[in-house]
Structures are given as structure tokens and as C-alpha cells.
């Protein structure tokens, strides 16, 4: 399947948007979930459990955001919609 230059540029921009927005969202999720460790000085196994849970959930948010953005882009591309709705 051949893509013209405009379509390749749109795909590149969408991938960049998906990765950057996912990274920012995952970072925010991690910061919120790990805040008890950072703010209250929780130590030991509780700190490891909170940090581990925050890391796993942030990674899940990262993947879900990337998939969601790119899936939505593919749907809009296939239907020919350019307005972002749909």
C-alpha cells in the first residue's frame, strides 16, 4: 500500500503525539500514585509495593493511551474523517 507524503507526515505526527501524550499521562499517574512515598517518607516493603504498583499502572496507562490514540487515528483515516470526532 503506497502512501503519499502528506499521509506519511500525518502518521508520523500522530505517532509522536501518541508517544508524548502517553508519556506525560503515565508520568502524572506515576507521580500521583507514588506521592505517599515521596511526601510522607514511607520506607521498606510498603514503599517498594507502592512504587511497584505505581510503575505497573503507569506502564498500563502508557500502553492504553498509545493504542487508543493510534486506533482512533486509524479509524478516522479509514473513514476519511478529518475533524477528530469519531
C-alpha atoms as a PDB file:
ATOM      1  CA  UNK A   1       0.000   0.000   0.000  1.00  0.00           C
ATOM      2  CA  UNK A   2       1.620   3.242  -1.141  1.00  0.00           C
ATOM      3  CA  UNK A   3       1.188   6.343   0.966  1.00  0.00           C
ATOM      4  CA  UNK A   4       1.626   9.854  -0.331  1.00  0.00           C
ATOM      5  CA  UNK A   5       3.921  12.243   1.553  1.00  0.00           C
ATOM      6  CA  UNK A   6       1.064  14.030   3.333  1.00  0.00           C
ATOM      7  CA  UNK A   7      -0.289  10.760   4.691  1.00  0.00           C
ATOM      8  CA  UNK A   8       3.168   9.665   5.862  1.00  0.00           C
ATOM      9  CA  UNK A   9       3.621  13.024   7.593  1.00  0.00           C
ATOM     10  CA  UNK A  10       0.220  12.688   9.278  1.00  0.00           C
ATOM     11  CA  UNK A  11       1.113   9.211  10.527  1.00  0.00           C
ATOM     12  CA  UNK A  12       4.456  10.465  11.868  1.00  0.00           C
ATOM     13  CA  UNK A  13       2.812  13.362  13.687  1.00  0.00           C
ATOM     14  CA  UNK A  14       0.146  11.093  15.143  1.00  0.00           C
ATOM     15  CA  UNK A  15       2.737   8.614  16.429  1.00  0.00           C
ATOM     16  CA  UNK A  16       4.697  11.461  18.004  1.00  0.00           C
ATOM     17  CA  UNK A  17       1.546  12.836  19.613  1.00  0.00           C
ATOM     18  CA  UNK A  18       0.594   9.405  20.927  1.00  0.00           C
ATOM     19  CA  UNK A  19       4.005   8.773  22.479  1.00  0.00           C
ATOM     20  CA  UNK A  20       4.437  12.232  24.021  1.00  0.00           C
ATOM     21  CA  UNK A  21       0.907  12.468  25.417  1.00  0.00           C
ATOM     22  CA  UNK A  22       1.144   8.904  26.745  1.00  0.00           C
ATOM     23  CA  UNK A  23       4.476   9.620  28.433  1.00  0.00           C
ATOM     24  CA  UNK A  24       3.119  12.764  30.097  1.00  0.00           C
ATOM     25  CA  UNK A  25      -0.026  10.984  31.260  1.00  0.00           C
ATOM     26  CA  UNK A  26       1.924   7.974  32.546  1.00  0.00           C
ATOM     27  CA  UNK A  27       4.326  10.274  34.371  1.00  0.00           C
ATOM     28  CA  UNK A  28       1.422  12.078  36.028  1.00  0.00           C
ATOM     29  CA  UNK A  29      -0.182   8.778  37.035  1.00  0.00           C
ATOM     30  CA  UNK A  30       3.091   7.519  38.486  1.00  0.00           C
ATOM     31  CA  UNK A  31       3.625  10.762  40.397  1.00  0.00           C
ATOM     32  CA  UNK A  32       0.124  10.699  41.882  1.00  0.00           C
ATOM     33  CA  UNK A  33       0.324   7.042  42.875  1.00  0.00           C
ATOM     34  CA  UNK A  34       3.858   7.275  44.259  1.00  0.00           C
ATOM     35  CA  UNK A  35       3.201  10.532  46.129  1.00  0.00           C
ATOM     36  CA  UNK A  36       2.712   8.840  49.534  1.00  0.00           C
ATOM     37  CA  UNK A  37       6.261   7.511  49.306  1.00  0.00           C
ATOM     38  CA  UNK A  38       7.621  10.848  48.149  1.00  0.00           C
ATOM     39  CA  UNK A  39       5.661  13.082  50.534  1.00  0.00           C
ATOM     40  CA  UNK A  40       5.400  11.030  53.710  1.00  0.00           C
ATOM     41  CA  UNK A  41       8.710   9.205  53.653  1.00  0.00           C
ATOM     42  CA  UNK A  42       7.225   5.722  53.565  1.00  0.00           C
ATOM     43  CA  UNK A  43      10.057   3.180  53.735  1.00  0.00           C
ATOM     44  CA  UNK A  44      10.684  -0.523  53.439  1.00  0.00           C
ATOM     45  CA  UNK A  45       8.391  -3.029  51.793  1.00  0.00           C
ATOM     46  CA  UNK A  46       5.453  -0.614  51.774  1.00  0.00           C
ATOM     47  CA  UNK A  47       7.478   1.861  49.708  1.00  0.00           C
ATOM     48  CA  UNK A  48       8.516  -0.882  47.289  1.00  0.00           C
ATOM     49  CA  UNK A  49       4.928  -2.067  46.949  1.00  0.00           C
ATOM     50  CA  UNK A  50       3.589   1.437  46.299  1.00  0.00           C
ATOM     51  CA  UNK A  51       6.374   2.267  43.834  1.00  0.00           C
ATOM     52  CA  UNK A  52       5.942  -1.071  42.062  1.00  0.00           C
ATOM     53  CA  UNK A  53       2.183  -0.627  41.790  1.00  0.00           C
ATOM     54  CA  UNK A  54       2.652   2.929  40.523  1.00  0.00           C
ATOM     55  CA  UNK A  55       5.126   1.744  37.900  1.00  0.00           C
ATOM     56  CA  UNK A  56       2.908  -1.090  36.650  1.00  0.00           C
ATOM     57  CA  UNK A  57      -0.180   1.119  36.445  1.00  0.00           C
ATOM     58  CA  UNK A  58       1.741   3.926  34.746  1.00  0.00           C
ATOM     59  CA  UNK A  59       3.028   1.441  32.153  1.00  0.00           C
ATOM     60  CA  UNK A  60      -0.525   0.210  31.573  1.00  0.00           C
ATOM     61  CA  UNK A  61      -1.735   3.803  31.122  1.00  0.00           C
ATOM     62  CA  UNK A  62       1.123   4.446  28.685  1.00  0.00           C
ATOM     63  CA  UNK A  63       0.217   1.457  26.523  1.00  0.00           C
ATOM     64  CA  UNK A  64      -3.529   2.137  26.655  1.00  0.00           C
ATOM     65  CA  UNK A  65      -3.026   5.769  25.639  1.00  0.00           C
ATOM     66  CA  UNK A  66      -0.752   4.907  22.715  1.00  0.00           C
ATOM     67  CA  UNK A  67      -3.110   2.201  21.463  1.00  0.00           C
ATOM     68  CA  UNK A  68      -6.166   4.410  21.925  1.00  0.00           C
ATOM     69  CA  UNK A  69      -4.712   7.367  20.044  1.00  0.00           C
ATOM     70  CA  UNK A  70      -3.369   5.294  17.174  1.00  0.00           C
ATOM     71  CA  UNK A  71      -6.510   3.187  16.913  1.00  0.00           C
ATOM     72  CA  UNK A  72      -8.624   6.329  16.776  1.00  0.00           C
ATOM     73  CA  UNK A  73      -6.334   7.775  14.111  1.00  0.00           C
ATOM     74  CA  UNK A  74      -6.637   4.616  12.024  1.00  0.00           C
ATOM     75  CA  UNK A  75     -10.431   4.690  12.334  1.00  0.00           C
ATOM     76  CA  UNK A  76     -10.561   8.355  11.289  1.00  0.00           C
ATOM     77  CA  UNK A  77      -8.149   7.672   8.424  1.00  0.00           C
ATOM     78  CA  UNK A  78     -10.197   4.741   7.119  1.00  0.00           C
ATOM     79  CA  UNK A  79     -13.486   6.636   7.283  1.00  0.00           C
ATOM     80  CA  UNK A  80     -11.971   9.794   5.819  1.00  0.00           C
ATOM     81  CA  UNK A  81     -12.903  11.996   8.790  1.00  0.00           C
ATOM     82  CA  UNK A  82     -10.509  14.849   9.465  1.00  0.00           C
ATOM     83  CA  UNK A  83     -12.307  16.619  12.320  1.00  0.00           C
ATOM     84  CA  UNK A  84     -11.021  14.317  15.083  1.00  0.00           C
ATOM     85  CA  UNK A  85     -14.525  13.156  16.041  1.00  0.00           C
ATOM     86  CA  UNK A  86     -15.455   9.596  15.738  1.00  0.00           C
END
